[in-house]
PDB file of N, CA and C in Angstrom:
ATOM      1  N   MET A   1       0.849  -0.936  -0.019  1.00  0.00           N
ATOM      2  CA  MET A   1      -0.015  -0.111   0.048  1.00  0.00           C
ATOM      3  C   MET A   1       1.022   1.363  -0.052  1.00  0.00           C
ATOM      4  N   GLU A   2       0.464   2.273  -0.594  1.00  0.00           N
ATOM      5  CA  GLU A   2       1.214   3.674  -0.741  1.00  0.00           C
ATOM      6  C   GLU A   2       0.555   4.608   0.256  1.00  0.00           C
ATOM      7  N   HIS A   3       1.250   5.446   0.575  1.00  0.00           N
ATOM      8  CA  HIS A   3       0.834   6.549   1.396  1.00  0.00           C
ATOM      9  C   HIS A   3       1.662   7.786   1.106  1.00  0.00           C
ATOM     10  N   PRO A   4       0.916   9.086   1.014  1.00  0.00           N
ATOM     11  CA  PRO A   4       1.687  10.323   0.830  1.00  0.00           C
ATOM     12  C   PRO A   4       2.461  10.614   2.303  1.00  0.00           C
ATOM     13  N   THR A   5       3.650  11.318   1.842  1.00  0.00           N
ATOM     14  CA  THR A   5       4.288  11.717   2.902  1.00  0.00           C
ATOM     15  C   THR A   5       5.375  13.086   2.379  1.00  0.00           C
ATOM     16  N   HIS A   6       5.585  13.807   3.289  1.00  0.00           N
ATOM     17  CA  HIS A   6       6.493  15.097   3.103  1.00  0.00           C
ATOM     18  C   HIS A   6       5.928  16.074   2.007  1.00  0.00           C
ATOM     19  N   THR A   7       4.647  16.476   2.420  1.00  0.00           N
ATOM     20  CA  THR A   7       4.050  17.385   1.474  1.00  0.00           C
ATOM     21  C   THR A   7       4.372  18.848   1.584  1.00  0.00           C
ATOM     22  N   GLU A   8       4.803  19.353   0.536  1.00  0.00           N
ATOM     23  CA  GLU A   8       5.306  20.880   0.407  1.00  0.00           C
ATOM     24  C   GLU A   8       4.417  21.582  -0.735  1.00  0.00           C
ATOM     25  N   ILE A   9       4.381  22.839  -0.638  1.00  0.00           N
ATOM     26  CA  ILE A   9       3.934  23.784  -1.610  1.00  0.00           C
ATOM     27  C   ILE A   9       5.172  24.244  -2.316  1.00  0.00           C
ATOM     28  N   ILE A  10       5.106  23.963  -3.735  1.00  0.00           N
ATOM     29  CA  ILE A  10       6.359  24.618  -4.458  1.00  0.00           C
ATOM     30  C   ILE A  10       5.797  25.419  -5.558  1.00  0.00           C
ATOM     31  N   PHE A  11       6.359  26.568  -5.613  1.00  0.00           N
ATOM     32  CA  PHE A  11       5.904  27.507  -6.697  1.00  0.00           C
ATOM     33  C   PHE A  11       6.678  27.337  -7.877  1.00  0.00           C
ATOM     34  N   ALA A  12       6.008  26.844  -9.080  1.00  0.00           N
ATOM     35  CA  ALA A  12       6.969  26.398 -10.283  1.00  0.00           C
ATOM     36  C   ALA A  12       6.015  26.919 -11.582  1.00  0.00           C
ATOM     37  N   ASN A  13       6.666  26.973 -12.685  1.00  0.00           N
ATOM     38  CA  ASN A  13       6.036  27.264 -13.988  1.00  0.00           C
ATOM     39  C   ASN A  13       5.368  26.025 -14.456  1.00  0.00           C
ATOM     40  N   ASN A  14       5.719  24.833 -14.391  1.00  0.00           N
ATOM     41  CA  ASN A  14       5.346  23.604 -14.595  1.00  0.00           C
ATOM     42  C   ASN A  14       5.659  22.453 -13.907  1.00  0.00           C
ATOM     43  N   THR A  15       5.060  21.503 -14.015  1.00  0.00           N
ATOM     44  CA  THR A  15       5.271  20.131 -13.248  1.00  0.00           C
ATOM     45  C   THR A  15       6.655  19.554 -13.109  1.00  0.00           C
ATOM     46  N   GLN A  16       7.453  19.677 -14.108  1.00  0.00           N
ATOM     47  CA  GLN A  16       8.641  19.065 -13.976  1.00  0.00           C
ATOM     48  C   GLN A  16       9.667  20.115 -13.065  1.00  0.00           C
ATOM     49  N   GLU A  17       9.453  21.437 -13.368  1.00  0.00           N
ATOM     50  CA  GLU A  17      10.103  22.357 -12.600  1.00  0.00           C
ATOM     51  C   GLU A  17       9.676  22.208 -10.802  1.00  0.00           C
ATOM     52  N   ALA A  18       8.444  21.947 -10.678  1.00  0.00           N
ATOM     53  CA  ALA A  18       7.906  21.703  -9.341  1.00  0.00           C
ATOM     54  C   ALA A  18       8.696  20.383  -8.696  1.00  0.00           C
ATOM     55  N   VAL A  19       8.897  19.312  -9.538  1.00  0.00           N
ATOM     56  CA  VAL A  19       9.380  17.917  -9.160  1.00  0.00           C
ATOM     57  C   VAL A  19      11.016  18.247  -8.836  1.00  0.00           C
ATOM     58  N   ASP A  20      11.467  19.130  -9.812  1.00  0.00           N
ATOM     59  CA  ASP A  20      13.122  19.265  -9.497  1.00  0.00           C
ATOM     60  C   ASP A  20      13.359  20.225  -8.358  1.00  0.00           C
ATOM     61  N   LYS A  21      12.313  21.220  -8.178  1.00  0.00           N
ATOM     62  CA  LYS A  21      12.596  21.969  -6.776  1.00  0.00           C
ATOM     63  C   LYS A  21      12.209  21.089  -5.500  1.00  0.00           C
ATOM     64  N   TYR A  22      11.311  20.243  -5.537  1.00  0.00           N
ATOM     65  CA  TYR A  22      11.207  19.566  -4.559  1.00  0.00           C
ATOM     66  C   TYR A  22      12.241  18.465  -4.238  1.00  0.00           C
ATOM     67  N   ALA A  23      12.754  17.850  -5.419  1.00  0.00           N
ATOM     68  CA  ALA A  23      14.064  17.035  -5.321  1.00  0.00           C
ATOM     69  C   ALA A  23      15.186  17.908  -4.659  1.00  0.00           C
ATOM     70  N   ALA A  24      15.250  19.005  -5.035  1.00  0.00           N
ATOM     71  CA  ALA A  24      16.533  19.962  -4.610  1.00  0.00           C
ATOM     72  C   ALA A  24      16.404  20.273  -3.032  1.00  0.00           C
ATOM     73  N   LEU A  25      15.291  20.089  -2.411  1.00  0.00           N
ATOM     74  CA  LEU A  25      15.264  20.415  -0.934  1.00  0.00           C
ATOM     75  C   LEU A  25      15.758  19.167  -0.078  1.00  0.00           C
ATOM     76  N   GLY A  26      15.907  18.111  -0.860  1.00  0.00           N
ATOM     77  CA  GLY A  26      16.898  16.953  -0.178  1.00  0.00           C
ATOM     78  C   GLY A  26      16.082  16.308   0.782  1.00  0.00           C
ATOM     79  N   ILE A  27      14.714  16.205   0.797  1.00  0.00           N
ATOM     80  CA  ILE A  27      13.948  15.596   1.788  1.00  0.00           C
ATOM     81  C   ILE A  27      14.126  14.139   1.542  1.00  0.00           C
ATOM     82  N   LYS A  28      14.283  13.366   2.543  1.00  0.00           N
ATOM     83  CA  LYS A  28      14.407  11.971   2.739  1.00  0.00           C
ATOM     84  C   LYS A  28      13.133  11.335   2.889  1.00  0.00           C
ATOM     85  N   PRO A  29      12.774  10.131   1.973  1.00  0.00           N
ATOM     86  CA  PRO A  29      11.700   9.598   2.319  1.00  0.00           C
ATOM     87  C   PRO A  29      11.730   8.785   3.523  1.00  0.00           C
ATOM     88  N   ASP A  30      10.583   8.415   4.106  1.00  0.00           N
ATOM     89  CA  ASP A  30      10.406   7.733   5.459  1.00  0.00           C
ATOM     90  C   ASP A  30      10.942   6.199   5.327  1.00  0.00           C
ATOM     91  N   HIS A  31      10.419   5.572   4.247  1.00  0.00           N
ATOM     92  CA  HIS A  31      10.615   4.039   4.335  1.00  0.00           C
ATOM     93  C   HIS A  31      11.095   3.552   2.906  1.00  0.00           C
ATOM     94  N   ASP A  32      10.336   4.108   1.688  1.00  0.00           N
ATOM     95  CA  ASP A  32      10.550   3.578   0.543  1.00  0.00           C
ATOM     96  C   ASP A  32      11.916   4.217  -0.109  1.00  0.00           C
ATOM     97  N   PRO A  33      12.872   3.381  -0.491  1.00  0.00           N
ATOM     98  CA  PRO A  33      14.123   3.933  -1.007  1.00  0.00           C
ATOM     99  C   PRO A  33      13.744   4.493  -2.646  1.00  0.00           C
ATOM    100  N   ASN A  34      12.740   4.202  -3.187  1.00  0.00           N
ATOM    101  CA  ASN A  34      12.140   4.830  -4.446  1.00  0.00           C
ATOM    102  C   ASN A  34      10.869   5.224  -4.862  1.00  0.00           C
ATOM    103  N   PRO A  35      10.706   6.290  -3.708  1.00  0.00           N
ATOM    104  CA  PRO A  35       9.196   6.779  -3.659  1.00  0.00           C
ATOM    105  C   PRO A  35       8.842   7.416  -5.244  1.00  0.00           C
ATOM    106  N   LYS A  36       7.537   7.778  -5.608  1.00  0.00           N
ATOM    107  CA  LYS A  36       7.300   8.364  -6.519  1.00  0.00           C
ATOM    108  C   LYS A  36       6.829   9.846  -6.130  1.00  0.00           C
ATOM    109  N   ILE A  37       7.396  10.723  -6.798  1.00  0.00           N
ATOM    110  CA  ILE A  37       7.024  12.156  -6.280  1.00  0.00           C
ATOM    111  C   ILE A  37       5.810  12.427  -7.324  1.00  0.00           C
ATOM    112  N   VAL A  38       4.817  13.146  -6.534  1.00  0.00           N
ATOM    113  CA  VAL A  38       3.560  13.418  -7.217  1.00  0.00           C
ATOM    114  C   VAL A  38       3.672  14.980  -7.038  1.00  0.00           C
ATOM    115  N   ALA A  39       3.292  15.688  -8.104  1.00  0.00           N
ATOM    116  CA  ALA A  39       3.238  17.118  -8.257  1.00  0.00           C
ATOM    117  C   ALA A  39       1.815  17.515  -9.011  1.00  0.00           C
ATOM    118  N   LEU A  40       1.063  18.302  -8.188  1.00  0.00           N
ATOM    119  CA  LEU A  40      -0.221  18.655  -8.729  1.00  0.00           C
ATOM    120  C   LEU A  40      -0.515  20.115  -8.693  1.00  0.00           C
ATOM    121  N   LYS A  41      -0.937  20.767  -9.705  1.00  0.00           N
ATOM    122  CA  LYS A  41      -1.223  22.141  -9.435  1.00  0.00           C
ATOM    123  C   LYS A  41      -2.468  22.176  -8.962  1.00  0.00           C
ATOM    124  N   ALA A  42      -2.516  22.985  -7.731  1.00  0.00           N
ATOM    125  CA  ALA A  42      -3.625  23.163  -6.905  1.00  0.00           C
ATOM    126  C   ALA A  42      -4.732  23.584  -7.526  1.00  0.00           C
ATOM    127  N   ALA A  43      -4.610  24.658  -8.032  1.00  0.00           N
ATOM    128  CA  ALA A  43      -5.708  25.296  -8.879  1.00  0.00           C
ATOM    129  C   ALA A  43      -6.453  24.522 -10.008  1.00  0.00           C
ATOM    130  N   GLU A  44      -5.750  23.675 -10.571  1.00  0.00           N
ATOM    131  CA  GLU A  44      -6.450  22.911 -11.574  1.00  0.00           C
ATOM    132  C   GLU A  44      -7.031  21.564 -11.036  1.00  0.00           C
ATOM    133  N   GLU A  45      -7.095  21.311  -9.748  1.00  0.00           N
ATOM    134  CA  GLU A  45      -7.425  20.087  -9.245  1.00  0.00           C
ATOM    135  C   GLU A  45      -9.100  20.161  -9.080  1.00  0.00           C
ATOM    136  N   GLU A  46      -9.975  19.076  -9.551  1.00  0.00           N
ATOM    137  CA  GLU A  46     -11.126  19.094  -9.341  1.00  0.00           C
ATOM    138  C   GLU A  46     -11.545  19.279  -8.131  1.00  0.00           C
ATOM    139  N   ASP A  47     -12.591  19.949  -7.988  1.00  0.00           N
ATOM    140  CA  ASP A  47     -13.294  20.561  -6.703  1.00  0.00           C
ATOM    141  C   ASP A  47     -12.340  21.539  -5.758  1.00  0.00           C
ATOM    142  N   PHE A  48     -11.260  21.938  -6.252  1.00  0.00           N
ATOM    143  CA  PHE A  48     -10.529  22.788  -5.476  1.00  0.00           C
ATOM    144  C   PHE A  48     -11.257  24.058  -5.335  1.00  0.00           C
ATOM    145  N   ASP A  49     -11.331  24.740  -4.022  1.00  0.00           N
ATOM    146  CA  ASP A  49     -12.011  25.870  -3.889  1.00  0.00           C
ATOM    147  C   ASP A  49     -10.972  26.943  -3.073  1.00  0.00           C
ATOM    148  N   MET A  50     -10.544  27.842  -3.857  1.00  0.00           N
ATOM    149  CA  MET A  50      -9.720  28.901  -3.196  1.00  0.00           C
ATOM    150  C   MET A  50     -10.076  29.549  -1.985  1.00  0.00           C
ATOM    151  N   GLU A  51     -11.458  29.677  -1.912  1.00  0.00           N
ATOM    152  CA  GLU A  51     -11.965  30.198  -0.756  1.00  0.00           C
ATOM    153  C   GLU A  51     -12.048  29.315   0.655  1.00  0.00           C
ATOM    154  N   SER A  52     -11.978  28.165   0.264  1.00  0.00           N
ATOM    155  CA  SER A  52     -11.961  27.107   1.436  1.00  0.00           C
ATOM    156  C   SER A  52     -10.597  27.047   2.186  1.00  0.00           C
ATOM    157  N   ASP A  53     -10.743  26.808   3.586  1.00  0.00           N
ATOM    158  CA  ASP A  53      -9.439  26.633   4.231  1.00  0.00           C
ATOM    159  C   ASP A  53      -9.079  25.209   4.182  1.00  0.00           C
ATOM    160  N   ILE A  54      -9.679  24.157   3.658  1.00  0.00           N
ATOM    161  CA  ILE A  54      -9.455  22.867   3.457  1.00  0.00           C
ATOM    162  C   ILE A  54      -9.812  22.448   2.128  1.00  0.00           C
ATOM    163  N   ASN A  55      -8.791  21.565   1.488  1.00  0.00           N
ATOM    164  CA  ASN A  55      -9.021  21.107   0.170  1.00  0.00           C
ATOM    165  C   ASN A  55      -8.262  19.648   0.158  1.00  0.00           C
ATOM    166  N   LEU A  56      -8.862  18.831  -0.535  1.00  0.00           N
ATOM    167  CA  LEU A  56      -8.087  17.574  -1.028  1.00  0.00           C
ATOM    168  C   LEU A  56      -7.411  17.696  -2.435  1.00  0.00           C
ATOM    169  N   ILE A  57      -6.154  17.613  -2.424  1.00  0.00           N
ATOM    170  CA  ILE A  57      -5.339  17.658  -3.622  1.00  0.00           C
ATOM    171  C   ILE A  57      -4.741  16.271  -3.609  1.00  0.00           C
ATOM    172  N   GLY A  58      -5.120  15.531  -4.851  1.00  0.00           N
ATOM    173  CA  GLY A  58      -4.542  14.244  -4.883  1.00  0.00           C
ATOM    174  C   GLY A  58      -4.845  13.342  -3.753  1.00  0.00           C
ATOM    175  N   GLU A  59      -3.893  12.954  -3.116  1.00  0.00           N
ATOM    176  CA  GLU A  59      -4.040  12.073  -1.886  1.00  0.00           C
ATOM    177  C   GLU A  59      -3.876  12.868  -0.501  1.00  0.00           C
ATOM    178  N   VAL A  60      -3.757  14.016  -0.484  1.00  0.00           N
ATOM    179  CA  VAL A  60      -3.453  14.764   0.706  1.00  0.00           C
ATOM    180  C   VAL A  60      -4.403  15.739   0.855  1.00  0.00           C
ATOM    181  N   SER A  61      -4.792  16.062   2.085  1.00  0.00           N
ATOM    182  CA  SER A  61      -5.698  17.226   2.510  1.00  0.00           C
ATOM    183  C   SER A  61      -4.697  18.125   3.040  1.00  0.00           C
ATOM    184  N   ILE A  62      -5.200  19.381   2.463  1.00  0.00           N
ATOM    185  CA  ILE A  62      -4.347  20.798   2.956  1.00  0.00           C
ATOM    186  C   ILE A  62      -5.158  21.699   3.828  1.00  0.00           C
ATOM    187  N   GLY A  63      -4.711  21.928   4.833  1.00  0.00           N
ATOM    188  CA  GLY A  63      -5.452  23.041   5.742  1.00  0.00           C
ATOM    189  C   GLY A  63      -5.067  24.206   5.719  1.00  0.00           C
ATOM    190  N   PRO A  64      -5.515  25.150   6.751  1.00  0.00           N
ATOM    191  CA  PRO A  64      -5.393  26.646   6.645  1.00  0.00           C
ATOM    192  C   PRO A  64      -4.004  27.161   6.463  1.00  0.00           C
ATOM    193  N   PRO A  65      -3.048  26.787   7.149  1.00  0.00           N
ATOM    194  CA  PRO A  65      -1.708  27.202   7.009  1.00  0.00           C
ATOM    195  C   PRO A  65      -1.190  27.080   5.432  1.00  0.00           C
ATOM    196  N   ILE A  66      -1.451  25.808   4.935  1.00  0.00           N
ATOM    197  CA  ILE A  66      -1.122  25.449   3.470  1.00  0.00           C
ATOM    198  C   ILE A  66      -1.773  26.116   2.449  1.00  0.00           C
ATOM    199  N   MET A  67      -3.052  26.598   2.851  1.00  0.00           N
ATOM    200  CA  MET A  67      -4.005  27.281   1.909  1.00  0.00           C
ATOM    201  C   MET A  67      -3.555  28.676   1.699  1.00  0.00           C
ATOM    202  N   LYS A  68      -3.146  29.069   3.033  1.00  0.00           N
ATOM    203  CA  LYS A  68      -2.403  30.678   3.106  1.00  0.00           C
ATOM    204  C   LYS A  68      -1.370  30.813   1.941  1.00  0.00           C
ATOM    205  N   LYS A  69      -0.580  29.855   2.063  1.00  0.00           N
ATOM    206  CA  LYS A  69       0.701  29.805   1.366  1.00  0.00           C
ATOM    207  C   LYS A  69       0.219  29.579  -0.205  1.00  0.00           C
ATOM    208  N   VAL A  70      -0.700  28.780  -0.592  1.00  0.00           N
ATOM    209  CA  VAL A  70      -1.404  28.669  -2.031  1.00  0.00           C
ATOM    210  C   VAL A  70      -1.927  30.112  -2.427  1.00  0.00           C
ATOM    211  N   ARG A  71      -2.644  30.634  -1.675  1.00  0.00           N
ATOM    212  CA  ARG A  71      -3.201  31.944  -2.023  1.00  0.00           C
ATOM    213  C   ARG A  71      -2.273  33.025  -2.332  1.00  0.00           C
ATOM    214  N   THR A  72      -0.989  32.860  -1.871  1.00  0.00           N
ATOM    215  CA  THR A  72      -0.105  33.955  -2.239  1.00  0.00           C
ATOM    216  C   THR A  72       0.304  33.929  -3.708  1.00  0.00           C
ATOM    217  N   ASN A  73       0.002  32.767  -4.555  1.00  0.00           N
ATOM    218  CA  ASN A  73       0.299  32.716  -5.919  1.00  0.00           C
ATOM    219  C   ASN A  73      -0.219  31.400  -6.430  1.00  0.00           C
ATOM    220  N   PRO A  74      -1.510  31.507  -6.383  1.00  0.00           N
ATOM    221  CA  PRO A  74      -2.260  30.058  -7.109  1.00  0.00           C
ATOM    222  C   PRO A  74      -1.968  29.787  -8.381  1.00  0.00           C
ATOM    223  N   ALA A  75      -1.624  30.587  -9.164  1.00  0.00           N
ATOM    224  CA  ALA A  75      -1.287  30.421 -10.623  1.00  0.00           C
ATOM    225  C   ALA A  75       0.010  29.463 -10.677  1.00  0.00           C
ATOM    226  N   LEU A  76       0.791  29.645  -9.669  1.00  0.00           N
ATOM    227  CA  LEU A  76       2.369  28.686  -9.818  1.00  0.00           C
ATOM    228  C   LEU A  76       2.264  27.659  -8.699  1.00  0.00           C
ATOM    229  N   ALA A  77       1.347  27.651  -7.831  1.00  0.00           N
ATOM    230  CA  ALA A  77       1.161  26.665  -6.494  1.00  0.00           C
ATOM    231  C   ALA A  77       1.003  25.145  -6.986  1.00  0.00           C
ATOM    232  N   TYR A  78       1.977  24.522  -6.626  1.00  0.00           N
ATOM    233  CA  TYR A  78       1.856  23.043  -6.882  1.00  0.00           C
ATOM    234  C   TYR A  78       2.018  22.326  -5.367  1.00  0.00           C
ATOM    235  N   VAL A  79       1.226  21.319  -5.223  1.00  0.00           N
ATOM    236  CA  VAL A  79       1.264  20.379  -3.992  1.00  0.00           C
ATOM    237  C   VAL A  79       2.087  19.336  -4.530  1.00  0.00           C
ATOM    238  N   VAL A  80       3.155  19.148  -3.822  1.00  0.00           N
ATOM    239  CA  VAL A  80       4.043  18.113  -4.089  1.00  0.00           C
ATOM    240  C   VAL A  80       4.470  17.232  -2.978  1.00  0.00           C
ATOM    241  N   TYR A  81       4.476  15.772  -3.114  1.00  0.00           N
ATOM    242  CA  TYR A  81       4.721  14.890  -2.023  1.00  0.00           C
ATOM    243  C   TYR A  81       5.146  13.729  -2.436  1.00  0.00           C
ATOM    244  N   TYR A  82       5.728  12.673  -1.693  1.00  0.00           N
ATOM    245  CA  TYR A  82       6.163  11.436  -2.008  1.00  0.00           C
ATOM    246  C   TYR A  82       4.809  10.552  -1.665  1.00  0.00           C
ATOM    247  N   MET A  83       4.850   9.459  -2.551  1.00  0.00           N
ATOM    248  CA  MET A  83       4.041   8.447  -2.412  1.00  0.00           C
ATOM    249  C   MET A  83       4.990   7.223  -2.257  1.00  0.00           C
ATOM    250  N   GLU A  84       4.993   6.602  -0.962  1.00  0.00           N
ATOM    251  CA  GLU A  84       5.811   5.945  -0.338  1.00  0.00           C
ATOM    252  C   GLU A  84       4.983   4.357  -0.265  1.00  0.00           C
ATOM    253  N   LYS A  85       5.672   3.464  -0.609  1.00  0.00           N
ATOM    254  CA  LYS A  85       5.174   2.140  -0.319  1.00  0.00           C
ATOM    255  C   LYS A  85       5.698   1.727   1.230  1.00  0.00           C
ATOM    256  N   HIS A  86       4.543   1.291   1.868  1.00  0.00           N
ATOM    257  CA  HIS A  86       4.854   0.891   3.344  1.00  0.00           C
ATOM    258  C   HIS A  86       4.830  -0.466   3.556  1.00  0.00           C
TER     259      HIS A  86
END
């Protein structure tokens, strides 16, 4: 079974740039030596509500502190996380 870990908001012009910036942070996975990196543009997700303090993006729920960060530049905000096998 896979689980999301180490969620970050990354501001980027495209998905590959978001993945590259996330990888450059040097975040180590918890368990999986080869986790998949998922990068989703928040504003393009189905049912995303910019006015809500809680949203589901892919496999993660983002709350008020993260939504505050997304709102600073929603056009470039990606939710990026590992999908790790446990």
